[in-house]
Amino acid sequence: MAKHRHLWSEATFNKFLKEGRGQGRGEEYKPWITIHDFPSQGRSHRALGWKARRIQHFMSDHEMRYLYLLDWSDSVTDIREQFPLIEHDITQEIAKDMGVKHPTDTASGFPYILTTDFLISIYIDGKTVDIARTVKPAKELESTRVIEKFEIERRYWIAKGVDWGIVTEHEIPRILAANINVIHSAYRLEATPEMDIPNLLLLAKTLKNRLQTSHGSISGVTTKLDEEMNLSGGTSLAVFKHLVARKEVLLDMSKKLDFTRSVKSIQIIAADSSYGAISA
């Protein structure tokens, strides 16, 4: 377990609870740990999530890539990252039953709160269910201590009636994740010095019409539209990425995203954008 920037103790535990960590859903949820809680952030990431509609915290590249897949999924309705197994008396009892040591701060002697990387809400067969997923590089599963901690986690979620599983890099399609990375930040339109949100929505509608009636490449169409409307280079391409993120423009995301593709390779969906600006 990563070493906290601050001493882990019962007082810190109570402070986290008072701050509302590990509580709430959607925009109101606060992760138990954030990238600011550790002295070395390493490959940590912050991202404005599509489903959660807030800044989310991830501790590795693999977690970030998995977030992209969850945001892209139509069945996922909420994503709570760094979710705490808050009842440490239960996790300690599980560890005791297993005959293994529960992670504990060596200075204070207070047990660490184990976390699950993702608690995911999925709408399926007319109802919403939660599943828990832990993300880890496959090579780390060779560690006996890692497996012990995961077994504590697994038994905890079984007791809660929640499906739990491990996700490694082998379960994350790299091309799809990379493609979503390219468009992820374009999910919400944000005003620019040149265009406010209403005008960006009009530009999106114009672009969709152009894509349906034009020939040539995607980048060719967006570049020409920028020139005709006297916009900064890349404005229409950014709106194109937004339309892909919103699935108003469909293309084969299993192949590397290439804006030199022919416009004939994409499909336009009739629905129009109807959302506004956000503040990061």
C-alpha atoms as a PDB file:
ATOM      1  CA  MET A   1       0.000   0.000   0.000  1.00  0.00           C
ATOM      2  CA  ALA A   2       1.320   3.444  -0.927  1.00  0.00           C
ATOM      3  CA  LYS A   3       2.618   5.578   1.903  1.00  0.00           C
ATOM      4  CA  HIS A   4       0.373   8.530   2.727  1.00  0.00           C
ATOM      5  CA  ARG A   5       1.730  12.040   2.686  1.00  0.00           C
ATOM      6  CA  HIS A   6       0.365  12.363   6.240  1.00  0.00           C
ATOM      7  CA  LEU A   7       0.458   9.975   9.205  1.00  0.00           C
ATOM      8  CA  TRP A   8      -2.305   7.409   8.952  1.00  0.00           C
ATOM      9  CA  SER A   9      -4.137   7.137  12.265  1.00  0.00           C
ATOM     10  CA  GLU A  10      -7.599   6.935  13.756  1.00  0.00           C
ATOM     11  CA  ALA A  11      -7.680  10.739  13.776  1.00  0.00           C
ATOM     12  CA  THR A  12      -6.913  10.816  10.036  1.00  0.00           C
ATOM     13  CA  PHE A  13      -9.566   8.173   9.445  1.00  0.00           C
ATOM     14  CA  ASN A  14     -12.172  10.277  11.261  1.00  0.00           C
ATOM     15  CA  LYS A  15     -11.014  13.382   9.375  1.00  0.00           C
ATOM     16  CA  PHE A  16     -11.562  11.600   6.036  1.00  0.00           C
ATOM     17  CA  LEU A  17     -15.048  10.549   7.155  1.00  0.00           C
ATOM     18  CA  LYS A  18     -15.864  14.125   8.189  1.00  0.00           C
ATOM     19  CA  GLU A  19     -14.701  15.339   4.750  1.00  0.00           C
ATOM     20  CA  GLY A  20     -17.223  12.993   3.164  1.00  0.00           C
ATOM     21  CA  ARG A  21     -14.670  10.774   1.484  1.00  0.00           C
ATOM     22  CA  GLY A  22     -16.047   7.528   0.105  1.00  0.00           C
ATOM     23  CA  GLN A  23     -19.561   8.934   0.312  1.00  0.00           C
ATOM     24  CA  GLY A  24     -22.147  10.089  -2.225  1.00  0.00           C
ATOM     25  CA  ARG A  25     -22.850   9.221  -5.831  1.00  0.00           C
ATOM     26  CA  GLY A  26     -22.315  10.884  -9.183  1.00  0.00           C
ATOM     27  CA  GLU A  27     -21.128  14.462  -8.891  1.00  0.00           C
ATOM     28  CA  GLU A  28     -21.362  14.333  -5.093  1.00  0.00           C
ATOM     29  CA  TYR A  29     -19.042  11.347  -4.597  1.00  0.00           C
ATOM     30  CA  LYS A  30     -15.620  11.960  -3.054  1.00  0.00           C
ATOM     31  CA  PRO A  31     -12.928   9.288  -3.549  1.00  0.00           C
ATOM     32  CA  TRP A  32     -11.314   7.927  -0.402  1.00  0.00           C
ATOM     33  CA  ILE A  33      -7.857   8.761  -1.708  1.00  0.00           C
ATOM     34  CA  THR A  34      -6.754  11.324  -4.276  1.00  0.00           C
ATOM     35  CA  ILE A  35      -3.542  11.897  -6.182  1.00  0.00           C
ATOM     36  CA  HIS A  36      -2.696  14.621  -3.632  1.00  0.00           C
ATOM     37  CA  ASP A  37      -2.531  12.143  -0.748  1.00  0.00           C
ATOM     38  CA  PHE A  38       0.804  10.622  -1.696  1.00  0.00           C
ATOM     39  CA  PRO A  39       4.296  12.140  -1.807  1.00  0.00           C
ATOM     40  CA  SER A  40       5.013  10.755  -5.285  1.00  0.00           C
ATOM     41  CA  GLN A  41       2.191  10.887  -7.805  1.00  0.00           C
ATOM     42  CA  GLY A  42       4.018   8.714 -10.339  1.00  0.00           C
ATOM     43  CA  ARG A  43       1.685   7.859 -13.212  1.00  0.00           C
ATOM     44  CA  SER A  44      -1.392   9.269 -11.487  1.00  0.00           C
ATOM     45  CA  HIS A  45      -4.088  11.133 -13.417  1.00  0.00           C
ATOM     46  CA  ARG A  46      -7.004  13.511 -12.966  1.00  0.00           C
ATOM     47  CA  ALA A  47      -9.813  13.567 -15.499  1.00  0.00           C
ATOM     48  CA  LEU A  48     -13.260  15.085 -15.861  1.00  0.00           C
ATOM     49  CA  GLY A  49     -15.419  11.975 -16.114  1.00  0.00           C
ATOM     50  CA  TRP A  50     -18.307  11.669 -18.538  1.00  0.00           C
ATOM     51  CA  LYS A  51     -20.530   9.550 -16.308  1.00  0.00           C
ATOM     52  CA  ALA A  52     -19.489  10.892 -12.897  1.00  0.00           C
ATOM     53  CA  ARG A  53     -19.483  14.518 -14.177  1.00  0.00           C
ATOM     54  CA  ARG A  54     -16.654  15.514 -11.823  1.00  0.00           C
ATOM     55  CA  ILE A  55     -12.877  15.404 -11.599  1.00  0.00           C
ATOM     56  CA  GLN A  56     -11.828  11.816 -10.939  1.00  0.00           C
ATOM     57  CA  HIS A  57      -8.558  10.488  -9.509  1.00  0.00           C
ATOM     58  CA  PHE A  58      -6.610   7.524 -10.863  1.00  0.00           C
ATOM     59  CA  MET A  59      -3.363   6.054  -9.608  1.00  0.00           C
ATOM     60  CA  SER A  60      -2.033   4.451 -12.790  1.00  0.00           C
ATOM     61  CA  ASP A  61      -2.175   4.483 -16.577  1.00  0.00           C
ATOM     62  CA  HIS A  62      -4.148   1.227 -16.478  1.00  0.00           C
ATOM     63  CA  GLU A  63      -6.820   2.802 -14.261  1.00  0.00           C
ATOM     64  CA  MET A  64      -7.041   5.764 -16.603  1.00  0.00           C
ATOM     65  CA  ARG A  65      -7.473   3.510 -19.650  1.00  0.00           C
ATOM     66  CA  TYR A  66     -10.149   1.516 -17.870  1.00  0.00           C
ATOM     67  CA  LEU A  67     -12.000   4.758 -17.095  1.00  0.00           C
ATOM     68  CA  TYR A  68     -12.077   5.488 -20.833  1.00  0.00           C
ATOM     69  CA  LEU A  69     -13.794   2.153 -21.494  1.00  0.00           C
ATOM     70  CA  LEU A  70     -16.332   2.724 -18.721  1.00  0.00           C
ATOM     71  CA  ASP A  71     -17.137   6.240 -19.907  1.00  0.00           C
ATOM     72  CA  TRP A  72     -17.609   4.904 -23.447  1.00  0.00           C
ATOM     73  CA  SER A  73     -19.998   2.142 -22.341  1.00  0.00           C
ATOM     74  CA  ASP A  74     -23.695   2.917 -22.762  1.00  0.00           C
ATOM     75  CA  SER A  75     -24.663   0.672 -19.837  1.00  0.00           C
ATOM     76  CA  VAL A  76     -22.484   2.382 -17.216  1.00  0.00           C
ATOM     77  CA  THR A  77     -24.334   5.075 -15.238  1.00  0.00           C
ATOM     78  CA  ASP A  78     -21.866   5.974 -12.474  1.00  0.00           C
ATOM     79  CA  ILE A  79     -18.232   5.385 -11.595  1.00  0.00           C
ATOM     80  CA  ARG A  80     -16.908   5.707  -8.042  1.00  0.00           C
ATOM     81  CA  GLU A  81     -13.132   5.398  -8.014  1.00  0.00           C
ATOM     82  CA  GLN A  82     -10.897   4.632  -5.014  1.00  0.00           C
ATOM     83  CA  PHE A  83     -13.906   3.278  -3.133  1.00  0.00           C
ATOM     84  CA  PRO A  84     -13.190   2.416   0.523  1.00  0.00           C
ATOM     85  CA  LEU A  85     -13.876  -0.857   2.262  1.00  0.00           C
ATOM     86  CA  ILE A  86     -14.845   1.379   5.111  1.00  0.00           C
ATOM     87  CA  GLU A  87     -15.744  -1.288   7.667  1.00  0.00           C
ATOM     88  CA  HIS A  88     -12.172  -2.085   8.650  1.00  0.00           C
ATOM     89  CA  ASP A  89     -13.379  -4.358  11.434  1.00  0.00           C
ATOM     90  CA  ILE A  90     -14.754  -6.646   8.714  1.00  0.00           C
ATOM     91  CA  THR A  91     -11.570  -6.577   6.610  1.00  0.00           C
ATOM     92  CA  GLN A  92      -9.496  -7.248   9.730  1.00  0.00           C
ATOM     93  CA  GLU A  93     -11.693 -10.227  10.613  1.00  0.00           C
ATOM     94  CA  ILE A  94     -11.335 -11.547   7.060  1.00  0.00           C
ATOM     95  CA  ALA A  95      -7.549 -11.208   7.263  1.00  0.00           C
ATOM     96  CA  LYS A  96      -7.578 -13.030  10.608  1.00  0.00           C
ATOM     97  CA  ASP A  97      -9.649 -15.857   9.146  1.00  0.00           C
ATOM     98  CA  MET A  98      -7.176 -16.100   6.263  1.00  0.00           C
ATOM     99  CA  GLY A  99      -4.208 -16.103   8.625  1.00  0.00           C
ATOM    100  CA  VAL A 100      -2.596 -13.072   6.962  1.00  0.00           C
ATOM    101  CA  LYS A 101      -1.574  -9.635   8.184  1.00  0.00           C
ATOM    102  CA  HIS A 102      -3.998  -6.781   7.548  1.00  0.00           C
ATOM    103  CA  PRO A 103      -2.270  -3.672   6.074  1.00  0.00           C
ATOM    104  CA  THR A 104      -1.527  -1.417   9.030  1.00  0.00           C
ATOM    105  CA  ASP A 105       0.377   1.813   9.580  1.00  0.00           C
ATOM    106  CA  THR A 106       3.592   0.855  11.344  1.00  0.00           C
ATOM    107  CA  ALA A 107       3.815   4.115  13.282  1.00  0.00           C
ATOM    108  CA  SER A 108       0.245   4.394  14.594  1.00  0.00           C
ATOM    109  CA  GLY A 109      -0.781   0.749  14.480  1.00  0.00           C
ATOM    110  CA  PHE A 110      -4.092   1.799  12.924  1.00  0.00           C
ATOM    111  CA  PRO A 111      -5.353  -0.378  10.048  1.00  0.00           C
ATOM    112  CA  TYR A 112      -5.287   1.075   6.560  1.00  0.00           C
ATOM    113  CA  ILE A 113      -8.601   1.300   4.773  1.00  0.00           C
ATOM    114  CA  LEU A 114      -8.447  -0.953   1.737  1.00  0.00           C
ATOM    115  CA  THR A 115      -9.877   0.498  -1.459  1.00  0.00           C
ATOM    116  CA  THR A 116     -11.355  -0.924  -4.616  1.00  0.00           C
ATOM    117  CA  ASP A 117     -10.274   0.955  -7.735  1.00  0.00           C
ATOM    118  CA  PHE A 118     -13.755   1.101  -9.277  1.00  0.00           C
ATOM    119  CA  LEU A 119     -17.282   0.656  -7.960  1.00  0.00           C
ATOM    120  CA  ILE A 120     -19.333   0.770 -11.143  1.00  0.00           C
ATOM    121  CA  SER A 121     -23.089   1.222 -11.494  1.00  0.00           C
ATOM    122  CA  ILE A 122     -24.496  -0.569 -14.534  1.00  0.00           C
ATOM    123  CA  TYR A 123     -28.032  -0.395 -15.903  1.00  0.00           C
ATOM    124  CA  ILE A 124     -28.951  -3.832 -17.171  1.00  0.00           C
ATOM    125  CA  ASP A 125     -32.240  -5.664 -17.693  1.00  0.00           C
ATOM    126  CA  GLY A 126     -34.239  -2.737 -16.361  1.00  0.00           C
ATOM    127  CA  LYS A 127     -32.328  -2.277 -13.113  1.00  0.00           C
ATOM    128  CA  THR A 128     -29.114  -0.762 -11.820  1.00  0.00           C
ATOM    129  CA  VAL A 129     -26.522  -3.011 -10.182  1.00  0.00           C
ATOM    130  CA  ASP A 130     -23.086  -2.290  -8.752  1.00  0.00           C
ATOM    131  CA  ILE A 131     -19.957  -4.246  -9.608  1.00  0.00           C
ATOM    132  CA  ALA A 132     -16.486  -3.820  -8.106  1.00  0.00           C
ATOM    133  CA  ARG A 133     -13.325  -3.973 -10.199  1.00  0.00           C
ATOM    134  CA  THR A 134      -9.677  -3.743  -9.205  1.00  0.00           C
ATOM    135  CA  VAL A 135      -7.123  -2.824 -11.883  1.00  0.00           C
ATOM    136  CA  LYS A 136      -3.617  -4.229 -11.690  1.00  0.00           C
ATOM    137  CA  PRO A 137      -0.760  -5.045 -14.094  1.00  0.00           C
ATOM    138  CA  ALA A 138      -0.687  -8.787 -14.725  1.00  0.00           C
ATOM    139  CA  LYS A 139       2.908  -9.114 -13.536  1.00  0.00           C
ATOM    140  CA  GLU A 140       1.968  -7.850 -10.055  1.00  0.00           C
ATOM    141  CA  LEU A 141      -0.418 -10.764  -9.616  1.00  0.00           C
ATOM    142  CA  GLU A 142       2.678 -12.922  -9.113  1.00  0.00           C
ATOM    143  CA  SER A 143       3.153 -11.282  -5.702  1.00  0.00           C
ATOM    144  CA  THR A 144       1.823 -13.343  -2.784  1.00  0.00           C
ATOM    145  CA  ARG A 145       1.145 -10.184  -0.758  1.00  0.00           C
ATOM    146  CA  VAL A 146      -0.860  -8.604  -3.585  1.00  0.00           C
ATOM    147  CA  ILE A 147      -2.955 -11.754  -3.877  1.00  0.00           C
ATOM    148  CA  GLU A 148      -3.553 -11.774  -0.122  1.00  0.00           C
ATOM    149  CA  LYS A 149      -4.874  -8.206  -0.207  1.00  0.00           C
ATOM    150  CA  PHE A 150      -7.065  -8.999  -3.205  1.00  0.00           C
ATOM    151  CA  GLU A 151      -8.496 -12.023  -1.407  1.00  0.00           C
ATOM    152  CA  ILE A 152      -9.501  -9.788   1.506  1.00  0.00           C
ATOM    153  CA  GLU A 153     -11.124  -7.461  -0.995  1.00  0.00           C
ATOM    154  CA  ARG A 154     -12.870 -10.315  -2.817  1.00  0.00           C
ATOM    155  CA  ARG A 155     -14.335 -11.786   0.369  1.00  0.00           C
ATOM    156  CA  TYR A 156     -15.506  -8.351   1.511  1.00  0.00           C
ATOM    157  CA  TRP A 157     -17.482  -7.792  -1.670  1.00  0.00           C
ATOM    158  CA  ILE A 158     -18.888 -11.323  -1.671  1.00  0.00           C
ATOM    159  CA  ALA A 159     -20.266 -10.609   1.813  1.00  0.00           C
ATOM    160  CA  LYS A 160     -21.880  -7.455   0.371  1.00  0.00           C
ATOM    161  CA  GLY A 161     -23.406  -9.396  -2.534  1.00  0.00           C
ATOM    162  CA  VAL A 162     -21.363  -7.406  -5.070  1.00  0.00           C
ATOM    163  CA  ASP A 163     -19.622  -8.990  -8.056  1.00  0.00           C
ATOM    164  CA  TRP A 164     -15.858  -8.390  -7.845  1.00  0.00           C
ATOM    165  CA  GLY A 165     -13.112  -8.994 -10.374  1.00  0.00           C
ATOM    166  CA  ILE A 166      -9.569  -8.102 -11.414  1.00  0.00           C
ATOM    167  CA  VAL A 167      -8.845  -6.209 -14.626  1.00  0.00           C
ATOM    168  CA  THR A 168      -5.355  -6.393 -16.120  1.00  0.00           C
ATOM    169  CA  GLU A 169      -3.948  -4.765 -19.232  1.00  0.00           C
ATOM    170  CA  HIS A 170      -4.996  -7.895 -21.141  1.00  0.00           C
ATOM    171  CA  GLU A 171      -8.677  -6.989 -20.637  1.00  0.00           C
ATOM    172  CA  ILE A 172      -8.226  -3.396 -21.848  1.00  0.00           C
ATOM    173  CA  PRO A 173      -8.290  -2.972 -25.658  1.00  0.00           C
ATOM    174  CA  ARG A 174      -5.368  -0.585 -26.169  1.00  0.00           C
ATOM    175  CA  ILE A 175      -6.494   0.887 -29.502  1.00  0.00           C
ATOM    176  CA  LEU A 176     -10.015   1.591 -28.266  1.00  0.00           C
ATOM    177  CA  ALA A 177      -8.683   3.147 -25.052  1.00  0.00           C
ATOM    178  CA  ALA A 178      -6.198   5.274 -27.032  1.00  0.00           C
ATOM    179  CA  ASN A 179      -8.965   6.467 -29.358  1.00  0.00           C
ATOM    180  CA  ILE A 180     -11.206   7.459 -26.460  1.00  0.00           C
ATOM    181  CA  ASN A 181      -8.242   9.304 -24.940  1.00  0.00           C
ATOM    182  CA  VAL A 182      -8.059  11.459 -28.087  1.00  0.00           C
ATOM    183  CA  ILE A 183     -11.703  12.540 -27.813  1.00  0.00           C
ATOM    184  CA  HIS A 184     -12.261  12.328 -24.054  1.00  0.00           C
ATOM    185  CA  SER A 185     -11.710  15.983 -23.225  1.00  0.00           C
ATOM    186  CA  ALA A 186     -14.033  17.019 -26.091  1.00  0.00           C
ATOM    187  CA  TYR A 187     -17.125  15.423 -24.509  1.00  0.00           C
ATOM    188  CA  ARG A 188     -18.354  18.783 -23.241  1.00  0.00           C
ATOM    189  CA  LEU A 189     -18.286  21.886 -25.372  1.00  0.00           C
ATOM    190  CA  GLU A 190     -16.510  24.828 -23.816  1.00  0.00           C
ATOM    191  CA  ALA A 191     -16.696  28.384 -25.069  1.00  0.00           C
ATOM    192  CA  THR A 192     -13.672  29.820 -26.858  1.00  0.00           C
ATOM    193  CA  PRO A 193     -12.658  33.469 -27.413  1.00  0.00           C
ATOM    194  CA  GLU A 194     -14.164  33.110 -30.905  1.00  0.00           C
ATOM    195  CA  MET A 195     -17.352  31.189 -30.204  1.00  0.00           C
ATOM    196  CA  ASP A 196     -19.801  30.849 -27.335  1.00  0.00           C
ATOM    197  CA  ILE A 197     -21.760  27.657 -26.690  1.00  0.00           C
ATOM    198  CA  PRO A 198     -24.791  28.502 -28.900  1.00  0.00           C
ATOM    199  CA  ASN A 199     -22.479  29.199 -31.851  1.00  0.00           C
ATOM    200  CA  LEU A 200     -20.489  26.032 -31.213  1.00  0.00           C
ATOM    201  CA  LEU A 201     -23.763  24.088 -31.307  1.00  0.00           C
ATOM    202  CA  LEU A 202     -24.573  25.720 -34.634  1.00  0.00           C
ATOM    203  CA  LEU A 203     -21.103  24.831 -35.874  1.00  0.00           C
ATOM    204  CA  ALA A 204     -21.675  21.217 -34.822  1.00  0.00           C
ATOM    205  CA  LYS A 205     -24.909  21.124 -36.796  1.00  0.00           C
ATOM    206  CA  THR A 206     -23.237  22.685 -39.847  1.00  0.00           C
ATOM    207  CA  LEU A 207     -20.355  20.238 -39.618  1.00  0.00           C
ATOM    208  CA  LYS A 208     -22.692  17.254 -39.520  1.00  0.00           C
ATOM    209  CA  ASN A 209     -24.403  18.506 -42.665  1.00  0.00           C
ATOM    210  CA  ARG A 210     -21.049  18.993 -44.396  1.00  0.00           C
ATOM    211  CA  LEU A 211     -19.884  15.515 -43.467  1.00  0.00           C
ATOM    212  CA  GLN A 212     -23.012  14.044 -45.016  1.00  0.00           C
ATOM    213  CA  THR A 213     -22.684  15.922 -48.289  1.00  0.00           C
ATOM    214  CA  SER A 214     -18.926  16.214 -48.782  1.00  0.00           C
ATOM    215  CA  HIS A 215     -16.241  13.984 -50.243  1.00  0.00           C
ATOM    216  CA  GLY A 216     -12.627  13.602 -49.245  1.00  0.00           C
ATOM    217  CA  SER A 217     -11.180  13.277 -45.757  1.00  0.00           C
ATOM    218  CA  ILE A 218     -12.516  14.254 -42.359  1.00  0.00           C
ATOM    219  CA  SER A 219      -9.626  16.664 -41.800  1.00  0.00           C
ATOM    220  CA  GLY A 220     -10.174  18.131 -45.244  1.00  0.00           C
ATOM    221  CA  VAL A 221     -13.803  18.931 -44.442  1.00  0.00           C
ATOM    222  CA  THR A 222     -13.013  20.427 -41.039  1.00  0.00           C
ATOM    223  CA  THR A 223     -10.111  22.514 -42.375  1.00  0.00           C
ATOM    224  CA  LYS A 224     -12.247  23.918 -45.175  1.00  0.00           C
ATOM    225  CA  LEU A 225     -15.042  24.787 -42.751  1.00  0.00           C
ATOM    226  CA  ASP A 226     -12.584  26.649 -40.504  1.00  0.00           C
ATOM    227  CA  GLU A 227     -11.386  28.641 -43.511  1.00  0.00           C
ATOM    228  CA  GLU A 228     -14.887  29.474 -44.737  1.00  0.00           C
ATOM    229  CA  MET A 229     -16.021  30.629 -41.296  1.00  0.00           C
ATOM    230  CA  ASN A 230     -12.731  32.398 -40.507  1.00  0.00           C
ATOM    231  CA  LEU A 231     -12.116  30.231 -37.453  1.00  0.00           C
ATOM    232  CA  SER A 232      -8.843  29.322 -35.800  1.00  0.00           C
ATOM    233  CA  GLY A 233      -7.329  26.192 -37.277  1.00  0.00           C
ATOM    234  CA  GLY A 234      -8.552  23.046 -35.537  1.00  0.00           C
ATOM    235  CA  THR A 235     -11.858  24.500 -34.283  1.00  0.00           C
ATOM    236  CA  SER A 236     -14.056  22.315 -36.477  1.00  0.00           C
ATOM    237  CA  LEU A 237     -11.884  19.267 -35.829  1.00  0.00           C
ATOM    238  CA  ALA A 238     -12.372  19.798 -32.083  1.00  0.00           C
ATOM    239  CA  VAL A 239     -16.129  19.884 -32.678  1.00  0.00           C
ATOM    240  CA  PHE A 240     -15.803  16.690 -34.729  1.00  0.00           C
ATOM    241  CA  LYS A 241     -14.131  14.994 -31.759  1.00  0.00           C
ATOM    242  CA  HIS A 242     -17.003  16.224 -29.602  1.00  0.00           C
ATOM    243  CA  LEU A 243     -19.526  14.647 -31.961  1.00  0.00           C
ATOM    244  CA  VAL A 244     -17.625  11.365 -31.866  1.00  0.00           C
ATOM    245  CA  ALA A 245     -17.531  11.472 -28.056  1.00  0.00           C
ATOM    246  CA  ARG A 246     -21.295  12.091 -28.011  1.00  0.00           C
ATOM    247  CA  LYS A 247     -21.805   9.291 -30.549  1.00  0.00           C
ATOM    248  CA  GLU A 248     -23.504  11.642 -32.982  1.00  0.00           C
ATOM    249  CA  VAL A 249     -20.785  10.642 -35.424  1.00  0.00           C
ATOM    250  CA  LEU A 250     -20.018   6.929 -35.525  1.00  0.00           C
ATOM    251  CA  LEU A 251     -16.810   5.383 -36.796  1.00  0.00           C
ATOM    252  CA  ASP A 252     -14.841   2.201 -36.251  1.00  0.00           C
ATOM    253  CA  MET A 253     -13.186   2.767 -32.872  1.00  0.00           C
ATOM    254  CA  SER A 254     -11.405  -0.594 -33.008  1.00  0.00           C
ATOM    255  CA  LYS A 255      -9.028   0.915 -35.560  1.00  0.00           C
ATOM    256  CA  LYS A 256      -6.562   3.709 -34.798  1.00  0.00           C
ATOM    257  CA  LEU A 257      -8.302   7.068 -35.029  1.00  0.00           C
ATOM    258  CA  ASP A 258      -7.217   8.703 -38.279  1.00  0.00           C
ATOM    259  CA  PHE A 259      -8.700  12.018 -39.344  1.00  0.00           C
ATOM    260  CA  THR A 260      -7.435  11.491 -42.872  1.00  0.00           C
ATOM    261  CA  ARG A 261     -10.096   8.800 -43.220  1.00  0.00           C
ATOM    262  CA  SER A 262     -12.730   9.354 -45.860  1.00  0.00           C
ATOM    263  CA  VAL A 263     -15.971  10.911 -44.670  1.00  0.00           C
ATOM    264  CA  LYS A 264     -17.621   7.875 -46.271  1.00  0.00           C
ATOM    265  CA  SER A 265     -16.237   5.780 -43.398  1.00  0.00           C
ATOM    266  CA  ILE A 266     -18.401   7.514 -40.796  1.00  0.00           C
ATOM    267  CA  GLN A 267     -22.105   7.502 -39.968  1.00  0.00           C
ATOM    268  CA  ILE A 268     -24.061  10.566 -38.884  1.00  0.00           C
ATOM    269  CA  ILE A 269     -26.737  10.229 -36.192  1.00  0.00           C
ATOM    270  CA  ALA A 270     -29.709  12.585 -36.429  1.00  0.00           C
ATOM    271  CA  ALA A 271     -29.810  13.712 -32.789  1.00  0.00           C
ATOM    272  CA  ASP A 272     -28.521  17.233 -32.163  1.00  0.00           C
ATOM    273  CA  SER A 273     -26.329  18.369 -29.290  1.00  0.00           C
ATOM    274  CA  SER A 274     -28.328  20.011 -26.519  1.00  0.00           C
ATOM    275  CA  TYR A 275     -25.892  20.596 -23.672  1.00  0.00           C
ATOM    276  CA  GLY A 276     -23.951  23.527 -22.435  1.00  0.00           C
ATOM    277  CA  ALA A 277     -20.613  24.614 -21.062  1.00  0.00           C
ATOM    278  CA  ILE A 278     -18.915  23.294 -17.985  1.00  0.00           C
ATOM    279  CA  SER A 279     -16.171  24.603 -15.790  1.00  0.00           C
ATOM    280  CA  ALA A 280     -13.277  22.245 -15.161  1.00  0.00           C
END
